[in-house]
Amino acid sequence: MNIRKKYSKKLFLPVLLGTLVAGGAIASGQTPVYLGSADTFAILSQSGITNIYRSAIVGDIGASPITGAAILLTCGEVSGNIYAADAAGPLPCAVTNPSFLSLAVGDMGFAYDDAAGRLSPDFTELGAGEIGGLTLTPGLYKWSTNLKISTDVTLSGGPTDVWIFQVAGTLNQANATRVTLTGGALAKNIFWQVAGAVALGTNAHFEGVVLGKKMISVNTGTSVNGRLLAQTAVTLQMNAITEPAQ
């Protein structure tokens, strides 16, 4: 449908934009971002993982090149391996494997560049940086500003569909809001490439793989079905982080 031809009045544009997304614009046919060895991690950080007890992590976690003493989770909070670059720190369950961590961190960087380098977005500056209340179909989305999720947002598509969100600024999710998947959409196929800091609000729920250039902060009581891959730090506060089903 030619929106511009059928509706010329600006009054209708905000409604139409949401309708277009909800109605299912033609997807771009994006392929998933290749994570390489970073694909094993629920949380991967280059400068440490802080935590307010008690969090529950399903999947591997790791930090490098920062010392193992910068991983501030307990063994009982992690259902998976805890990888450290050295034997420092109080975690007797940690696996010291600097070479594997170096490879994973490198792959995390390559994945970030892959997501950031995708061309010909299906949607540019959607919602002027506010996607709360929308239903988003598969495709490539690009913002030159900050991105906000102020109310619930839905991602609707099938199990092989891919979403890639390119965010030049920060990503902020409001308290008690949800990112919801419908139609069989899978968190492993959703990629949030964010150049600025990421902040997920209190008692919220988030879906997808975060490729963060800066800090990823998860506030109290929030759950994530996905991966938190940060080129700086990850901060947790009594959170449930579960790696996506394959």
Protein backbone atom coordinates (compact mmCIF):
# COMPACT_ATOMS: atom_id res chain seq x y z
CA MET A 1 0.00 0.00 0.00
CA ASN A 2 1.30 3.43 -0.88
CA ILE A 3 0.76 5.31 2.38
CA ARG A 4 1.80 8.67 1.05
CA LYS A 5 -0.58 8.42 -1.87
CA LYS A 6 -3.58 7.20 0.08
CA TYR A 7 -3.14 9.38 3.18
CA SER A 8 -1.62 12.79 2.66
CA LYS A 9 -2.61 14.49 5.91
CA LYS A 10 0.00 14.52 8.68
CA LEU A 11 -2.77 13.98 11.19
CA PHE A 12 -2.93 10.33 10.23
CA LEU A 13 0.80 9.53 10.24
CA PRO A 14 1.25 8.35 13.85
CA VAL A 15 -1.72 6.01 13.56
CA LEU A 16 -0.66 4.75 10.17
CA LEU A 17 2.87 4.08 11.32
CA GLY A 18 1.68 1.79 14.07
CA THR A 19 -0.81 0.15 11.70
CA LEU A 20 1.84 -0.47 9.11
CA VAL A 21 4.10 -2.19 11.60
CA ALA A 22 1.23 -4.12 13.17
CA GLY A 23 -0.12 -5.10 9.77
CA GLY A 24 3.13 -6.67 8.63
CA ALA A 25 5.34 -4.72 6.29
CA ILE A 26 7.44 -6.80 3.94
CA ALA A 27 10.41 -8.16 5.87
CA SER A 28 13.95 -7.50 4.71
CA GLY A 29 15.03 -11.14 4.77
CA GLN A 30 17.83 -10.44 7.24
CA THR A 31 20.03 -13.33 8.31
CA PRO A 32 20.84 -13.79 12.00
CA VAL A 33 23.91 -12.05 13.37
CA TYR A 34 26.68 -14.62 13.78
CA LEU A 35 27.84 -14.66 17.41
CA GLY A 36 30.59 -17.25 17.07
CA SER A 37 31.91 -18.43 20.41
CA ALA A 38 29.99 -15.64 22.18
CA ASP A 39 26.88 -17.74 21.47
CA THR A 40 27.52 -19.85 24.55
CA PHE A 41 27.14 -16.91 26.95
CA ALA A 42 24.08 -15.55 28.69
CA ILE A 43 26.31 -12.71 29.93
CA LEU A 44 29.69 -11.65 28.55
CA SER A 45 31.49 -8.50 29.65
CA GLN A 46 34.89 -6.93 29.11
CA SER A 47 35.04 -4.97 32.38
CA GLY A 48 33.11 -6.98 34.95
CA ILE A 49 29.70 -8.14 36.16
CA THR A 50 28.28 -6.56 39.31
CA ASN A 51 25.31 -8.02 41.12
CA ILE A 52 22.88 -7.48 43.98
CA TYR A 53 21.99 -10.91 45.39
CA ARG A 54 20.06 -12.94 44.43
CA SER A 55 20.07 -13.28 40.64
CA ALA A 56 19.44 -16.45 38.64
CA ILE A 57 21.43 -16.93 35.44
CA VAL A 58 20.75 -19.83 33.08
CA GLY A 59 23.69 -20.13 30.72
CA ASP A 60 27.40 -19.38 30.82
CA ILE A 61 28.83 -16.09 32.01
CA GLY A 62 32.28 -14.57 31.63
CA ALA A 63 34.40 -11.43 31.79
CA SER A 64 37.65 -10.59 30.03
CA PRO A 65 40.19 -9.02 29.95
CA ILE A 66 39.19 -7.83 33.43
CA THR A 67 40.32 -10.01 36.32
CA GLY A 68 38.08 -12.78 37.63
CA ALA A 69 37.64 -10.76 40.83
CA ALA A 70 35.32 -8.46 38.84
CA ILE A 71 32.68 -11.19 38.49
CA LEU A 72 30.45 -10.52 41.49
CA LEU A 73 28.02 -13.41 41.29
CA THR A 74 28.03 -16.49 43.48
CA CYS A 75 28.33 -20.01 42.16
CA GLY A 76 24.78 -20.84 43.23
CA GLU A 77 23.33 -18.05 41.09
CA VAL A 78 24.65 -19.46 37.81
CA SER A 79 23.35 -22.58 36.06
CA GLY A 80 26.24 -22.87 33.64
CA ASN A 81 29.95 -22.22 33.53
CA ILE A 82 31.58 -19.12 34.98
CA TYR A 83 34.60 -18.25 32.85
CA ALA A 84 37.33 -16.01 34.23
CA ALA A 85 40.53 -14.66 32.70
CA ASP A 86 42.49 -15.57 35.84
CA ALA A 87 42.07 -17.34 39.17
CA ALA A 88 41.48 -14.15 41.17
CA GLY A 89 38.24 -13.74 43.08
CA PRO A 90 36.17 -15.81 45.53
CA LEU A 91 34.52 -18.17 43.02
CA PRO A 92 35.76 -21.76 43.44
CA CYS A 93 33.48 -22.83 40.58
CA ALA A 94 35.04 -20.45 38.05
CA VAL A 95 36.83 -21.91 35.02
CA THR A 96 40.06 -20.09 34.20
CA ASN A 97 40.24 -19.99 30.41
CA PRO A 98 41.70 -16.73 29.10
CA SER A 99 42.17 -17.99 25.54
CA PHE A 100 38.52 -19.01 25.16
CA LEU A 101 37.37 -15.72 26.68
CA SER A 102 39.62 -13.75 24.35
CA LEU A 103 38.08 -15.57 21.39
CA ALA A 104 34.54 -14.99 22.69
CA VAL A 105 35.16 -11.28 23.31
CA GLY A 106 36.59 -10.96 19.81
CA ASP A 107 33.55 -12.68 18.34
CA MET A 108 31.30 -10.38 20.37
CA GLY A 109 33.01 -7.41 18.73
CA PHE A 110 32.65 -8.92 15.27
CA ALA A 111 28.95 -9.55 15.94
CA TYR A 112 28.45 -5.94 17.01
CA ASP A 113 30.11 -4.73 13.79
CA ASP A 114 28.03 -7.15 11.71
CA ALA A 115 24.77 -5.85 13.21
CA ALA A 116 25.87 -2.23 12.93
CA GLY A 117 26.93 -2.68 9.33
CA ARG A 118 23.67 -4.05 7.93
CA LEU A 119 22.40 -1.84 5.10
CA SER A 120 19.04 -0.78 3.64
CA PRO A 121 16.87 -0.61 6.77
CA ASP A 122 13.18 -1.40 6.45
CA PHE A 123 12.35 1.28 9.03
CA THR A 124 14.34 4.42 9.82
CA GLU A 125 13.67 6.60 12.89
CA LEU A 126 10.48 4.66 13.61
CA GLY A 127 8.32 6.42 16.19
CA ALA A 128 10.96 9.16 16.51
CA GLY A 129 12.78 6.81 18.89
CA GLU A 130 9.74 5.61 20.86
CA ILE A 131 8.51 2.08 20.08
CA GLY A 132 6.29 1.52 23.11
CA GLY A 133 2.82 0.39 22.10
CA LEU A 134 3.88 -0.87 18.67
CA THR A 135 3.88 -4.34 17.16
CA LEU A 136 7.06 -4.81 15.15
CA THR A 137 7.38 -7.17 12.21
CA PRO A 138 10.72 -8.73 11.20
CA GLY A 139 13.30 -6.56 9.51
CA LEU A 140 16.11 -4.08 9.95
CA TYR A 141 15.38 -0.98 12.07
CA LYS A 142 17.67 2.02 12.39
CA TRP A 143 17.71 5.04 14.74
CA SER A 144 20.23 7.90 14.81
CA THR A 145 18.90 8.88 18.26
CA ASN A 146 18.13 7.24 21.60
CA LEU A 147 15.51 4.46 21.66
CA LYS A 148 12.78 4.24 24.30
CA ILE A 149 10.37 1.49 25.29
CA SER A 150 7.92 3.42 27.46
CA THR A 151 5.04 0.93 27.23
CA ASP A 152 4.78 -2.71 26.16
CA VAL A 153 6.07 -3.59 22.69
CA THR A 154 5.34 -6.77 20.69
CA LEU A 155 7.54 -8.51 18.13
CA SER A 156 5.36 -10.60 15.83
CA GLY A 157 6.78 -13.15 13.42
CA GLY A 158 7.74 -16.77 12.88
CA PRO A 159 10.56 -18.90 14.31
CA THR A 160 12.92 -18.17 11.39
CA ASP A 161 12.27 -14.43 11.22
CA VAL A 162 15.00 -11.97 12.24
CA TRP A 163 14.90 -8.53 13.86
CA ILE A 164 17.95 -6.28 13.94
CA PHE A 165 17.73 -2.96 15.78
CA GLN A 166 20.52 -0.46 15.09
CA VAL A 167 20.57 2.22 17.82
CA ALA A 168 23.10 5.06 17.61
CA GLY A 169 22.21 6.36 21.08
CA THR A 170 21.02 4.71 24.28
CA LEU A 171 18.30 2.10 24.84
CA ASN A 172 15.98 2.67 27.80
CA GLN A 173 13.13 0.39 28.82
CA ALA A 174 10.64 1.79 31.34
CA ASN A 175 9.73 0.11 34.62
CA ALA A 176 7.16 -2.71 34.53
CA THR A 177 7.06 -2.88 30.73
CA ARG A 178 7.40 -5.96 28.56
CA VAL A 179 8.90 -6.95 25.26
CA THR A 180 6.62 -9.77 24.12
CA LEU A 181 7.07 -12.28 21.28
CA THR A 182 4.14 -13.68 19.28
CA GLY A 183 3.64 -15.95 16.30
CA GLY A 184 6.51 -18.24 17.21
CA ALA A 185 9.19 -15.52 17.18
CA LEU A 186 12.40 -16.57 18.96
CA ALA A 187 14.66 -14.46 21.16
CA LYS A 188 17.77 -15.92 19.54
CA ASN A 189 16.81 -14.12 16.29
CA ILE A 190 16.41 -10.66 17.85
CA PHE A 191 19.49 -8.42 17.96
CA TRP A 192 19.72 -5.03 19.67
CA GLN A 193 22.93 -3.29 18.55
CA VAL A 194 23.29 -0.28 20.84
CA ALA A 195 26.13 2.26 20.67
CA GLY A 196 25.17 3.94 23.97
CA ALA A 197 24.29 2.58 27.38
CA VAL A 198 21.43 0.12 27.86
CA ALA A 199 19.11 0.41 30.87
CA LEU A 200 16.29 -2.09 31.47
CA GLY A 201 13.80 -0.76 34.02
CA THR A 202 12.62 -2.24 37.31
CA ASN A 203 10.32 -5.31 37.14
CA ALA A 204 10.41 -5.31 33.33
CA HIS A 205 10.83 -8.16 30.85
CA PHE A 206 13.12 -8.05 27.83
CA GLU A 207 13.69 -10.38 24.87
CA GLY A 208 16.65 -10.76 22.54
CA VAL A 209 20.42 -10.49 22.24
CA VAL A 210 21.87 -7.17 23.38
CA LEU A 211 25.11 -6.20 21.64
CA GLY A 212 26.15 -3.24 23.75
CA LYS A 213 29.08 -0.94 23.06
CA LYS A 214 28.80 0.42 26.60
CA MET A 215 27.27 -0.60 29.94
CA ILE A 216 24.20 -2.81 30.18
CA SER A 217 22.24 -2.13 33.39
CA VAL A 218 19.43 -4.44 34.46
CA ASN A 219 17.38 -2.98 37.28
CA THR A 220 15.72 -4.74 40.22
CA GLY A 221 13.49 -7.70 39.47
CA THR A 222 13.78 -7.54 35.68
CA SER A 223 13.96 -10.71 33.59
CA VAL A 224 15.70 -11.22 30.26
CA ASN A 225 15.21 -14.03 27.78
CA GLY A 226 18.30 -13.53 25.67
CA ARG A 227 21.97 -12.56 26.00
CA LEU A 228 23.72 -9.54 27.48
CA LEU A 229 26.97 -9.01 25.56
CA ALA A 230 28.69 -5.82 26.69
CA GLN A 231 31.96 -4.25 25.61
CA THR A 232 32.11 -2.63 29.07
CA ALA A 233 30.23 -3.76 32.21
CA VAL A 234 26.99 -5.55 33.03
CA THR A 235 25.17 -4.65 36.26
CA LEU A 236 22.50 -6.89 37.79
CA GLN A 237 20.03 -6.46 40.66
CA MET A 238 18.14 -9.62 41.61
CA ASN A 239 17.48 -10.56 37.99
CA ALA A 240 16.56 -13.68 36.02
CA ILE A 241 18.67 -13.94 32.86
CA THR A 242 18.02 -16.96 30.65
CA GLU A 243 19.89 -17.70 27.45
CA PRO A 244 17.51 -18.12 24.51
CA ALA A 245 16.38 -21.53 23.35
CA GLN A 246 18.14 -22.79 20.26
